[in-house]
């Protein structure tokens, strides 16, 4: 009787070890996959930041301005900028005089 209990206990331990091992293997694969995704996203983030800094640098903006636009841009003080809530508020006479 003692021998049967010992063999049964041993079998239960072997089977439970197998299930635990398979489960931890799957967890390790998921962890590896997530780490790879995180590394990929970090590299993409760095590239996007680099592109943003490159495109928004003042020298680059001036270069793109000269390349794509014919006219020069002029500084306008903030107090001269009006917020228009309706299209009827637009006064085209003033716009034509400024040009």
C-alpha atoms as a PDB file:
ATOM      1  CA  UNK A   1       0.000   0.000   0.000  1.00  0.00           C
ATOM      2  CA  UNK A   2       2.814   2.380   0.860  1.00  0.00           C
ATOM      3  CA  UNK A   3       4.473   1.568  -2.443  1.00  0.00           C
ATOM      4  CA  UNK A   4       1.312   2.506  -4.378  1.00  0.00           C
ATOM      5  CA  UNK A   5       1.010   5.836  -2.568  1.00  0.00           C
ATOM      6  CA  UNK A   6       4.667   6.565  -3.259  1.00  0.00           C
ATOM      7  CA  UNK A   7       4.282   5.754  -6.988  1.00  0.00           C
ATOM      8  CA  UNK A   8       1.076   7.785  -7.229  1.00  0.00           C
ATOM      9  CA  UNK A   9       2.726  10.755  -5.526  1.00  0.00           C
ATOM     10  CA  UNK A  10       5.708  10.468  -7.836  1.00  0.00           C
ATOM     11  CA  UNK A  11       3.454  10.398 -10.923  1.00  0.00           C
ATOM     12  CA  UNK A  12       1.498  13.431  -9.713  1.00  0.00           C
ATOM     13  CA  UNK A  13       4.740  15.322  -9.148  1.00  0.00           C
ATOM     14  CA  UNK A  14       6.073  14.402 -12.597  1.00  0.00           C
ATOM     15  CA  UNK A  15       2.841  15.437 -14.314  1.00  0.00           C
ATOM     16  CA  UNK A  16       2.588  18.689 -12.366  1.00  0.00           C
ATOM     17  CA  UNK A  17       6.238  19.446 -13.169  1.00  0.00           C
ATOM     18  CA  UNK A  18       5.511  18.941 -16.863  1.00  0.00           C
ATOM     19  CA  UNK A  19       2.558  21.345 -16.770  1.00  0.00           C
ATOM     20  CA  UNK A  20       4.497  23.935 -14.813  1.00  0.00           C
ATOM     21  CA  UNK A  21       7.441  23.671 -17.174  1.00  0.00           C
ATOM     22  CA  UNK A  22       5.244  24.137 -20.242  1.00  0.00           C
ATOM     23  CA  UNK A  23       3.488  27.088 -18.661  1.00  0.00           C
ATOM     24  CA  UNK A  24       6.744  28.820 -17.747  1.00  0.00           C
ATOM     25  CA  UNK A  25       8.066  28.193 -21.245  1.00  0.00           C
ATOM     26  CA  UNK A  26       5.026  29.925 -22.728  1.00  0.00           C
ATOM     27  CA  UNK A  27       5.463  32.793 -20.284  1.00  0.00           C
ATOM     28  CA  UNK A  28       9.112  33.150 -21.266  1.00  0.00           C
ATOM     29  CA  UNK A  29       8.131  33.274 -24.940  1.00  0.00           C
ATOM     30  CA  UNK A  30       5.547  35.978 -24.224  1.00  0.00           C
ATOM     31  CA  UNK A  31       8.062  37.974 -22.200  1.00  0.00           C
ATOM     32  CA  UNK A  32      10.631  37.709 -24.978  1.00  0.00           C
ATOM     33  CA  UNK A  33       8.071  38.789 -27.561  1.00  0.00           C
ATOM     34  CA  UNK A  34       7.025  41.773 -25.447  1.00  0.00           C
ATOM     35  CA  UNK A  35      10.634  42.819 -24.905  1.00  0.00           C
ATOM     36  CA  UNK A  36      11.275  42.653 -28.637  1.00  0.00           C
ATOM     37  CA  UNK A  37       8.191  44.766 -29.298  1.00  0.00           C
ATOM     38  CA  UNK A  38       9.316  47.287 -26.703  1.00  0.00           C
ATOM     39  CA  UNK A  39      12.770  47.503 -28.286  1.00  0.00           C
ATOM     40  CA  UNK A  40      11.236  47.984 -31.728  1.00  0.00           C
ATOM     41  CA  UNK A  41       8.903  50.706 -30.457  1.00  0.00           C
ATOM     42  CA  UNK A  42      11.774  52.463 -28.703  1.00  0.00           C
ATOM     43  CA  UNK A  43      13.773  52.535 -31.918  1.00  0.00           C
ATOM     44  CA  UNK A  44      10.775  53.868 -33.852  1.00  0.00           C
ATOM     45  CA  UNK A  45      10.254  56.501 -31.170  1.00  0.00           C
ATOM     46  CA  UNK A  46      13.871  57.607 -31.444  1.00  0.00           C
ATOM     47  CA  UNK A  47      13.588  57.861 -35.227  1.00  0.00           C
ATOM     48  CA  UNK A  48      10.413  59.905 -34.979  1.00  0.00           C
ATOM     49  CA  UNK A  49      12.016  62.227 -32.436  1.00  0.00           C
ATOM     50  CA  UNK A  50      15.039  62.648 -34.665  1.00  0.00           C
ATOM     51  CA  UNK A  51      12.839  63.421 -37.653  1.00  0.00           C
ATOM     52  CA  UNK A  52      10.791  65.878 -35.618  1.00  0.00           C
ATOM     53  CA  UNK A  53      13.887  67.699 -34.369  1.00  0.00           C
ATOM     54  CA  UNK A  54      15.333  67.781 -37.853  1.00  0.00           C
ATOM     55  CA  UNK A  55      12.177  69.076 -39.498  1.00  0.00           C
ATOM     56  CA  UNK A  56      11.383  71.634 -36.811  1.00  0.00           C
ATOM     57  CA  UNK A  57      14.823  73.144 -36.492  1.00  0.00           C
ATOM     58  CA  UNK A  58      14.801  76.831 -37.453  1.00  0.00           C
ATOM     59  CA  UNK A  59      17.411  76.314 -40.167  1.00  0.00           C
ATOM     60  CA  UNK A  60      15.384  73.539 -41.742  1.00  0.00           C
ATOM     61  CA  UNK A  61      12.169  75.546 -41.605  1.00  0.00           C
ATOM     62  CA  UNK A  62      13.841  78.465 -43.367  1.00  0.00           C
ATOM     63  CA  UNK A  63      15.298  76.113 -45.947  1.00  0.00           C
ATOM     64  CA  UNK A  64      11.876  74.545 -46.633  1.00  0.00           C
ATOM     65  CA  UNK A  65      10.315  77.984 -46.760  1.00  0.00           C
ATOM     66  CA  UNK A  66      12.735  79.100 -49.468  1.00  0.00           C
ATOM     67  CA  UNK A  67      12.285  75.860 -51.343  1.00  0.00           C
ATOM     68  CA  UNK A  68       8.473  75.691 -51.423  1.00  0.00           C
ATOM     69  CA  UNK A  69       7.228  79.267 -51.022  1.00  0.00           C
ATOM     70  CA  UNK A  70       7.882  82.251 -53.249  1.00  0.00           C
ATOM     71  CA  UNK A  71       6.942  85.037 -50.884  1.00  0.00           C
ATOM     72  CA  UNK A  72       8.673  86.057 -47.710  1.00  0.00           C
ATOM     73  CA  UNK A  73       6.932  85.673 -44.390  1.00  0.00           C
ATOM     74  CA  UNK A  74       6.758  88.615 -42.044  1.00  0.00           C
ATOM     75  CA  UNK A  75       6.368  88.818 -38.326  1.00  0.00           C
ATOM     76  CA  UNK A  76       2.916  89.821 -37.094  1.00  0.00           C
ATOM     77  CA  UNK A  77       2.445  90.834 -33.469  1.00  0.00           C
ATOM     78  CA  UNK A  78      -0.035  88.794 -31.529  1.00  0.00           C
ATOM     79  CA  UNK A  79      -2.283  91.787 -30.850  1.00  0.00           C
ATOM     80  CA  UNK A  80      -2.851  92.207 -34.615  1.00  0.00           C
ATOM     81  CA  UNK A  81      -4.201  88.684 -34.999  1.00  0.00           C
ATOM     82  CA  UNK A  82      -7.975  88.467 -34.764  1.00  0.00           C
ATOM     83  CA  UNK A  83      -9.996  85.353 -34.085  1.00  0.00           C
ATOM     84  CA  UNK A  84     -12.833  84.936 -36.546  1.00  0.00           C
ATOM     85  CA  UNK A  85     -15.755  82.848 -35.356  1.00  0.00           C
ATOM     86  CA  UNK A  86     -18.045  83.331 -38.369  1.00  0.00           C
ATOM     87  CA  UNK A  87     -17.187  83.573 -42.030  1.00  0.00           C
ATOM     88  CA  UNK A  88     -19.248  86.746 -42.345  1.00  0.00           C
ATOM     89  CA  UNK A  89     -16.752  88.548 -40.120  1.00  0.00           C
ATOM     90  CA  UNK A  90     -14.036  88.369 -42.756  1.00  0.00           C
ATOM     91  CA  UNK A  91     -13.343  91.756 -44.249  1.00  0.00           C
ATOM     92  CA  UNK A  92     -11.737  91.214 -47.638  1.00  0.00           C
ATOM     93  CA  UNK A  93     -11.119  94.922 -48.192  1.00  0.00           C
ATOM     94  CA  UNK A  94      -8.499  95.027 -45.430  1.00  0.00           C
ATOM     95  CA  UNK A  95      -6.749  91.948 -46.762  1.00  0.00           C
ATOM     96  CA  UNK A  96      -6.325  93.415 -50.220  1.00  0.00           C
ATOM     97  CA  UNK A  97      -4.934  96.692 -48.803  1.00  0.00           C
ATOM     98  CA  UNK A  98      -2.239  94.867 -46.818  1.00  0.00           C
ATOM     99  CA  UNK A  99      -0.847  93.228 -49.910  1.00  0.00           C
END
